[in-house]
Each structure stands twice: as structure tokens, then as C-alpha cells.
Amino acid sequence: MLGSQPQASQVPLVYGVGHNAGDFGLDIGVDQNVTVFDTHTDAVKTLLDGDAQIMATSFSAILDLREQGEDVKMFCPYVSMDDFVLAGANGVNTAGQLFEPSTRVGIDSPGGAGAIVLNALLSGIGEPRDVHEIPNRQIIESSSARTEAWATGQLDATVIHDTQYDGAQQTVNGPVLIATLYENAPGFIKVAQAAKADWLDENRELAARYCATTLRAMTALKSDFALFQASVDEYVKDPPSEESLRELFDLIQRYPFWTADGGLSDDSVEFMIGIATESDVLTQPMNAADVVDRETLRRAVELANTPAG
């Protein structure tokens, strides 16, 4: 299950399930096998209730689950670097203004991708304060809902996708990009795919074949704009304009959105643990080596790199 509606930067997962499953002997499809929520909390609950085997959601939500004692491990990327931006309006054009009581800041609840993205951005541009110190936080769980609130004048600042910013800025009073994830937070991992460790132990080959659908999709979509555009049209509820998609496609070439080796490096995981600790998502030390199921990921990369047929 997915913790949010797929955005343009996140199509490899659904494209892979929809178009690559047969390459790896899997009889699965998007309509039959993928459930989409608009909050990470619903995704987490569904996994813990045993109603799904794999969860694709924010890195911080997965870390939070581990701190609570749930043996959940990441085994596959979803999207690492992303096109999230800190957008301002109505005269709010600096990070410092987020901490003024009059500034309405749209963010999701602790553990969500938006909250940890904002903390990473604040840290990356040298702002020592974090989300918890923003006095006028508006909890809006999905980026699409935050975009609508920003576009209709209900927010002065928020974290949304760059493609959403492009589509909404014409209705906003004084839109401005204050910071971008890809420029200000190198090493960030936005969302990942995870499963319970005991399920992975019992279903390693199945999990690796499933993950390989995502990895193969990343390679194909990154190399062909027309295919990327077609996949966005197929799987994204409100596809961005072609101009916005071309800008995103260029970012995907320049930054590690989709990593051929599966990503989830120890350095990046340690960076995310540090950001999660600063954000009070984590209160205890966590070992990066315990977070990722490397054996499954290595097998998935091997499968993805094996020629189809």
C-alpha cells in the first residue's frame, strides 16, 4: 500500500507493477494489488493489521515504527531525492518568516514526509529552528491538499512538489520558492518500501522480484521522456503540464531521484536517522545497518539487471 497518491516523481513503483511484473514471473497488477491512502498513518496501520505485506511511505514513518519496537525493514526504494520545495506566498519569502505567529504554514503530522522534508530544508539552509517551533502550523496530511490550500490563499508557506508549485502558482499572491530538497538536502531519502522482517525472511525471492519491477521501471522511465510522460498520464490523478514534466525529467537526470543500484546507502540512511532525531521522530540511537534488508535489495538489483526474456 502507498501512503500517498502517486506524484510524477513516484511513478516507477506503479509503472513497474503494471508493466514489468510479468518479466519476473509475478501475476500482479495495480488495480488488484496496490492500495493508495492519503496519509502515512493509514498506511502504517494497514501493514500492522496484516492487511498488506508491503508499505511504501515516508522514511521517517518507517523509522518511527522501528523505534516503537516493530521489526520493519526497508528493502526497496520508492523515490529517494524528490522535487519537494518550500513554497511561500503573501510576502513570506524567507525561512525565518515561518516562525512568525502570523505565518500560516502547511505541514503534515509528525512522521510524515512533509514534516521531515521541512526539517531537512531548514537544516540545509542554516536555520537552527525546526518544525516544532513553528507557531502557526496547519496540519494537512497530503501534498495535494496542501497545494490546494496554498493556491486558494489559506496558507502562506508549505512543502509541496515542484510540479504542484508550477501548476498552482498562477493563482497565488507572490509565489516564491524558498528552498528545494534537491539543492538544499543532499543525501535525503523521501520515501521507501518496507515490510515486516519475518515476512521478508520467508518471502525473500518474492520480495526481490517485486522490487525488481520498480528498479527496472526506474531505468526505463529515466531514459525516455515520452515513456515517462505516458506513465504519468496513466498513473497520476492530475498530471502536470508537459513543461513542468520536462523540468522534473531534467531534475531526475541531475539528482539521485531513482538510483540504479537501489540506493538506500548507509550514508543516506545515517543522514535520515540524524534528521529524524533532530525532528524528535526518534528519541533513541538507531543503527543504520539494522534498517535495510541488504540481502533482498541486492537480489532485486541482480534481477533488475538481468535482460528480460
Protein backbone atom coordinates (compact mmCIF):
# COMPACT_ATOMS: atom_id res chain seq x y z
CA MET A 1 0.00 0.00 0.00
CA LEU A 2 1.08 3.57 -0.67
CA GLY A 3 0.98 6.30 1.97
CA SER A 4 0.06 8.98 -0.57
CA GLN A 5 -1.29 9.41 -4.09
CA PRO A 6 1.49 8.79 -6.65
CA GLN A 7 3.05 12.00 -7.95
CA ALA A 8 5.03 12.35 -11.17
CA SER A 9 8.35 11.70 -9.43
CA GLN A 10 6.98 8.46 -7.93
CA VAL A 11 5.60 6.61 -10.96
CA PRO A 12 8.25 3.84 -11.18
CA LEU A 13 6.53 1.81 -8.46
CA VAL A 14 3.09 1.72 -10.08
CA TYR A 15 4.50 1.59 -13.61
CA GLY A 16 6.69 -1.35 -12.55
CA VAL A 17 3.79 -3.28 -11.06
CA GLY A 18 1.63 -2.51 -14.07
CA HIS A 19 4.15 -3.17 -16.85
CA ASN A 20 7.09 -5.22 -15.53
CA ALA A 21 5.53 -7.82 -13.24
CA GLY A 22 5.40 -10.47 -15.94
CA ASP A 23 9.15 -10.09 -16.56
CA PHE A 24 9.72 -11.52 -13.08
CA GLY A 25 7.01 -14.18 -13.03
CA LEU A 26 4.55 -12.16 -10.97
CA ASP A 27 0.81 -12.20 -11.59
CA ILE A 28 0.05 -8.81 -10.05
CA GLY A 29 -1.40 -5.51 -11.21
CA VAL A 30 -2.01 -2.01 -9.91
CA ASP A 31 -5.79 -2.32 -9.59
CA GLN A 32 -5.61 -5.71 -7.88
CA ASN A 33 -2.59 -5.27 -5.65
CA VAL A 34 -1.93 -1.59 -4.89
CA THR A 35 -3.98 0.34 -2.32
CA VAL A 36 -3.47 4.09 -2.02
CA PHE A 37 -4.02 6.20 1.09
CA ASP A 38 -3.55 9.91 1.63
CA THR A 39 -1.79 9.62 5.00
CA HIS A 40 1.21 7.70 6.27
CA THR A 41 -0.74 6.82 9.43
CA ASP A 42 -3.30 4.79 7.44
CA ALA A 43 -0.52 3.01 5.56
CA VAL A 44 1.24 2.07 8.80
CA LYS A 45 -1.97 0.80 10.39
CA THR A 46 -2.75 -1.34 7.35
CA LEU A 47 0.65 -3.01 7.49
CA LEU A 48 0.45 -3.64 11.22
CA ASP A 49 -3.06 -5.05 10.90
CA GLY A 50 -1.76 -7.59 8.40
CA ASP A 51 -3.92 -6.27 5.56
CA ALA A 52 -0.89 -5.63 3.34
CA GLN A 53 2.60 -7.09 3.07
CA ILE A 54 4.48 -4.09 1.65
CA MET A 55 4.24 -0.43 2.61
CA ALA A 56 5.60 2.49 0.57
CA THR A 57 5.65 5.57 2.76
CA SER A 58 7.86 8.23 4.31
CA PHE A 59 11.28 7.21 5.56
CA SER A 60 10.56 8.85 8.89
CA ALA A 61 7.33 6.87 9.40
CA ILE A 62 9.28 3.65 8.88
CA LEU A 63 11.94 4.75 11.37
CA ASP A 64 9.21 5.67 13.84
CA LEU A 65 7.76 2.17 13.53
CA ARG A 66 11.15 0.66 14.30
CA GLU A 67 11.54 2.84 17.38
CA GLN A 68 8.17 1.58 18.58
CA GLY A 69 9.58 -1.94 18.50
CA GLU A 70 8.16 -3.12 15.17
CA ASP A 71 10.76 -5.12 13.21
CA VAL A 72 10.07 -3.46 9.88
CA LYS A 73 12.83 -3.17 7.28
CA MET A 74 13.27 -1.23 4.08
CA PHE A 75 14.16 -3.45 1.17
CA CYS A 76 13.38 -1.39 -1.92
CA PRO A 77 13.48 2.26 -2.99
CA TYR A 78 10.39 4.30 -3.87
CA VAL A 79 11.85 7.75 -4.56
CA SER A 80 14.97 8.98 -2.80
CA MET A 81 15.65 12.56 -3.71
CA ASP A 82 12.42 14.30 -4.69
CA ASP A 83 11.09 17.53 -6.15
CA PHE A 84 9.70 18.79 -2.84
CA VAL A 85 10.01 22.53 -2.33
CA LEU A 86 9.29 25.04 0.40
CA ALA A 87 6.85 27.45 -1.22
CA GLY A 88 6.00 30.90 0.11
CA ALA A 89 3.25 33.41 -0.66
CA ASN A 90 1.67 36.63 0.60
CA GLY A 91 5.04 38.23 1.32
CA VAL A 92 6.56 35.18 3.03
CA ASN A 93 9.84 34.63 1.17
CA THR A 94 12.35 33.54 3.82
CA ALA A 95 12.57 30.55 6.16
CA GLY A 96 12.77 32.86 9.15
CA GLN A 97 9.24 34.12 8.48
CA LEU A 98 7.85 30.63 9.12
CA PHE A 99 8.42 31.27 12.82
CA GLU A 100 6.26 34.40 12.95
CA PRO A 101 2.85 33.80 14.57
CA SER A 102 1.00 35.32 11.62
CA THR A 103 2.53 32.92 9.05
CA ARG A 104 0.22 30.00 8.26
CA VAL A 105 2.46 27.01 7.49
CA GLY A 106 1.02 23.86 5.94
CA ILE A 107 2.64 20.63 7.12
CA ASP A 108 1.66 17.03 7.83
CA SER A 109 1.74 15.27 11.18
CA PRO A 110 4.98 14.02 12.79
CA GLY A 111 6.40 11.08 10.83
CA GLY A 112 5.04 12.37 7.55
CA ALA A 113 7.23 13.13 4.55
CA GLY A 114 6.32 16.81 4.62
CA ALA A 115 7.45 17.36 8.20
CA ILE A 116 10.83 15.70 7.81
CA VAL A 117 11.37 17.37 4.42
CA LEU A 118 10.81 20.77 6.00
CA ASN A 119 13.23 20.00 8.81
CA ALA A 120 15.85 18.86 6.29
CA LEU A 121 15.35 22.05 4.28
CA LEU A 122 15.61 24.25 7.35
CA SER A 123 18.82 22.50 8.38
CA GLY A 124 20.19 22.68 4.83
CA ILE A 125 19.80 26.46 4.60
CA GLY A 126 21.25 27.07 8.03
CA GLU A 127 18.05 27.71 10.00
CA PRO A 128 18.62 26.26 13.51
CA ARG A 129 14.94 26.05 14.45
CA ASP A 130 12.69 23.18 13.37
CA VAL A 131 9.06 22.35 12.66
CA HIS A 132 8.12 22.05 16.33
CA GLU A 133 8.96 25.71 16.84
CA ILE A 134 6.68 27.00 14.07
CA PRO A 135 3.81 28.63 15.97
CA ASN A 136 1.09 28.59 13.31
CA ARG A 137 1.26 25.05 11.91
CA GLN A 138 -1.68 23.84 9.84
CA ILE A 139 -1.79 20.02 9.77
CA ILE A 140 -2.75 18.95 6.25
CA GLU A 141 -1.71 15.37 5.58
CA SER A 142 -1.33 15.23 1.78
CA SER A 143 0.71 17.37 -0.59
CA SER A 144 -2.28 17.67 -2.93
CA ALA A 145 -4.45 19.10 -0.15
CA ARG A 146 -1.63 21.46 0.91
CA THR A 147 -1.28 22.61 -2.70
CA GLU A 148 -4.99 23.40 -2.88
CA ALA A 149 -4.85 25.31 0.42
CA TRP A 150 -1.81 27.29 -0.77
CA ALA A 151 -3.43 28.01 -4.14
CA THR A 152 -6.62 29.31 -2.53
CA GLY A 153 -4.87 31.65 -0.09
CA GLN A 154 -5.32 29.57 3.05
CA LEU A 155 -1.56 29.11 3.59
CA ASP A 156 1.42 31.45 3.49
CA ALA A 157 4.01 28.68 3.21
CA THR A 158 4.05 24.93 2.72
CA VAL A 159 6.03 21.97 1.38
CA ILE A 160 4.73 20.56 -1.91
CA HIS A 161 6.10 19.06 -5.10
CA ASP A 162 7.73 21.38 -7.61
CA THR A 163 5.24 20.20 -10.24
CA GLN A 164 2.40 21.15 -7.88
CA TYR A 165 4.02 24.55 -7.34
CA ASP A 166 4.18 25.08 -11.10
CA GLY A 167 0.52 24.23 -11.52
CA ALA A 168 -0.76 26.41 -8.67
CA GLN A 169 1.47 29.48 -8.67
CA GLN A 170 -0.64 31.50 -11.11
CA THR A 171 -3.43 31.75 -8.51
CA VAL A 172 -1.12 32.66 -5.61
CA ASN A 173 -0.27 36.12 -4.31
CA GLY A 174 3.51 36.48 -4.62
CA PRO A 175 4.61 32.86 -5.07
CA VAL A 176 8.25 32.14 -4.28
CA LEU A 177 10.49 29.08 -3.96
CA ILE A 178 12.25 29.50 -0.62
CA ALA A 179 14.22 26.23 -0.78
CA THR A 180 14.30 22.96 -2.72
CA LEU A 181 15.02 19.48 -1.46
CA TYR A 182 17.30 18.56 -4.35
CA GLU A 183 19.52 21.64 -3.87
CA ASN A 184 19.47 22.03 -0.10
CA ALA A 185 19.34 18.49 1.33
CA PRO A 186 21.76 16.13 -0.48
CA GLY A 187 21.55 12.58 0.85
CA PHE A 188 17.84 12.81 1.57
CA ILE A 189 15.59 9.76 1.15
CA LYS A 190 11.96 10.82 0.96
CA VAL A 191 10.01 7.56 0.83
CA ALA A 192 10.93 3.88 0.68
CA GLN A 193 9.30 0.47 0.51
CA ALA A 194 9.30 -1.65 3.65
CA ALA A 195 7.92 -4.88 5.04
CA LYS A 196 7.98 -6.83 8.28
CA ALA A 197 11.32 -8.59 8.73
CA ASP A 198 9.78 -12.01 9.29
CA TRP A 199 7.76 -11.70 6.07
CA LEU A 200 10.93 -10.78 4.19
CA ASP A 201 12.77 -13.77 5.67
CA GLU A 202 10.02 -16.10 4.46
CA ASN A 203 9.44 -14.43 1.08
CA ARG A 204 12.83 -13.05 0.06
CA GLU A 205 12.70 -14.14 -3.57
CA LEU A 206 9.13 -12.86 -3.96
CA ALA A 207 10.08 -9.52 -2.38
CA ALA A 208 13.15 -9.23 -4.60
CA ARG A 209 11.13 -9.94 -7.74
CA TYR A 210 8.55 -7.37 -6.70
CA CYS A 211 11.29 -4.77 -6.01
CA ALA A 212 12.91 -5.53 -9.37
CA THR A 213 9.75 -4.25 -11.09
CA THR A 214 10.39 -0.82 -9.55
CA LEU A 215 14.11 -0.83 -10.34
CA ARG A 216 13.59 -1.80 -13.97
CA ALA A 217 10.92 0.88 -14.30
CA MET A 218 13.32 3.50 -12.94
CA THR A 219 15.88 2.66 -15.62
CA ALA A 220 13.34 2.68 -18.44
CA LEU A 221 11.50 5.85 -17.43
CA LYS A 222 14.67 7.80 -16.75
CA SER A 223 15.93 7.14 -20.28
CA ASP A 224 12.81 8.04 -22.26
CA PHE A 225 10.81 11.23 -21.73
CA ALA A 226 7.90 10.07 -23.90
CA LEU A 227 7.58 6.89 -21.82
CA PHE A 228 7.85 8.91 -18.60
CA GLN A 229 5.12 11.29 -19.78
CA ALA A 230 2.87 8.40 -20.78
CA SER A 231 3.35 6.73 -17.39
CA VAL A 232 2.46 9.98 -15.57
CA ASP A 233 -0.66 10.33 -17.70
CA GLU A 234 -1.59 6.75 -16.83
CA TYR A 235 -0.99 6.77 -13.08
CA VAL A 236 -1.07 10.35 -11.76
CA LYS A 237 -4.51 11.70 -10.93
CA ASP A 238 -3.83 15.28 -12.09
CA PRO A 239 -0.82 15.11 -14.44
CA PRO A 240 1.41 18.21 -14.59
CA SER A 241 1.85 20.18 -17.79
CA GLU A 242 4.40 18.98 -20.33
CA GLU A 243 6.64 21.96 -19.49
CA SER A 244 6.59 21.08 -15.79
CA LEU A 245 7.22 17.42 -16.56
CA ARG A 246 10.24 18.29 -18.71
CA GLU A 247 11.67 20.32 -15.83
CA LEU A 248 11.15 17.36 -13.50
CA PHE A 249 12.66 14.95 -16.02
CA ASP A 250 15.75 17.14 -16.16
CA LEU A 251 15.99 17.11 -12.35
CA ILE A 252 15.75 13.31 -12.39
CA GLN A 253 18.78 13.22 -14.69
CA ARG A 254 20.79 15.54 -12.43
CA TYR A 255 19.89 14.32 -8.95
CA PRO A 256 19.53 10.82 -7.39
CA PHE A 257 15.74 10.53 -7.53
CA TRP A 258 15.90 6.99 -8.94
CA THR A 259 19.10 5.07 -8.25
CA ALA A 260 20.20 2.19 -10.49
CA ASP A 261 21.90 0.39 -7.58
CA GLY A 262 18.79 0.54 -5.39
CA GLY A 263 20.03 3.43 -3.28
CA LEU A 264 19.35 3.27 0.46
CA SER A 265 23.07 3.62 1.14
CA ASP A 266 24.34 3.52 4.72
CA ASP A 267 25.41 7.16 4.45
CA SER A 268 21.95 8.26 3.34
CA VAL A 269 20.26 6.14 5.99
CA GLU A 270 22.52 7.66 8.66
CA PHE A 271 21.67 11.14 7.34
CA MET A 272 17.95 10.36 7.62
CA ILE A 273 18.35 8.95 11.11
CA GLY A 274 20.03 12.22 12.06
CA ILE A 275 17.22 14.32 10.57
CA ALA A 276 14.60 12.12 12.24
CA THR A 277 16.39 12.54 15.57
CA GLU A 278 16.50 16.33 15.15
CA SER A 279 12.78 16.19 14.31
CA ASP A 280 12.01 14.21 17.50
CA VAL A 281 10.69 11.31 15.44
CA LEU A 282 13.48 9.27 17.04
CA THR A 283 14.46 9.58 20.69
CA GLN A 284 16.90 6.65 20.88
CA PRO A 285 20.03 5.77 18.87
CA MET A 286 19.44 3.64 15.79
CA ASN A 287 21.96 1.63 13.77
CA ALA A 288 21.73 2.24 10.02
CA ALA A 289 22.81 -1.36 9.34
CA ASP A 290 19.64 -2.65 11.02
CA VAL A 291 17.23 -0.56 8.93
CA VAL A 292 17.69 -2.03 5.42
CA ASP A 293 17.38 -5.66 4.30
CA ARG A 294 20.50 -5.65 2.11
CA GLU A 295 20.17 -9.27 1.03
CA THR A 296 16.77 -8.70 -0.56
CA LEU A 297 17.84 -5.41 -2.15
CA ARG A 298 20.99 -6.97 -3.64
CA ARG A 299 18.93 -9.79 -5.15
CA ALA A 300 16.43 -7.28 -6.57
CA VAL A 301 19.23 -5.31 -8.25
CA GLU A 302 20.61 -8.55 -9.72
CA LEU A 303 17.20 -9.49 -11.11
CA ALA A 304 16.51 -6.00 -12.48
CA ASN A 305 19.82 -6.02 -14.35
CA THR A 306 19.16 -9.42 -15.95
CA PRO A 307 17.94 -8.93 -19.55
CA ALA A 308 14.21 -9.54 -19.94
CA GLY A 309 13.30 -12.84 -21.56
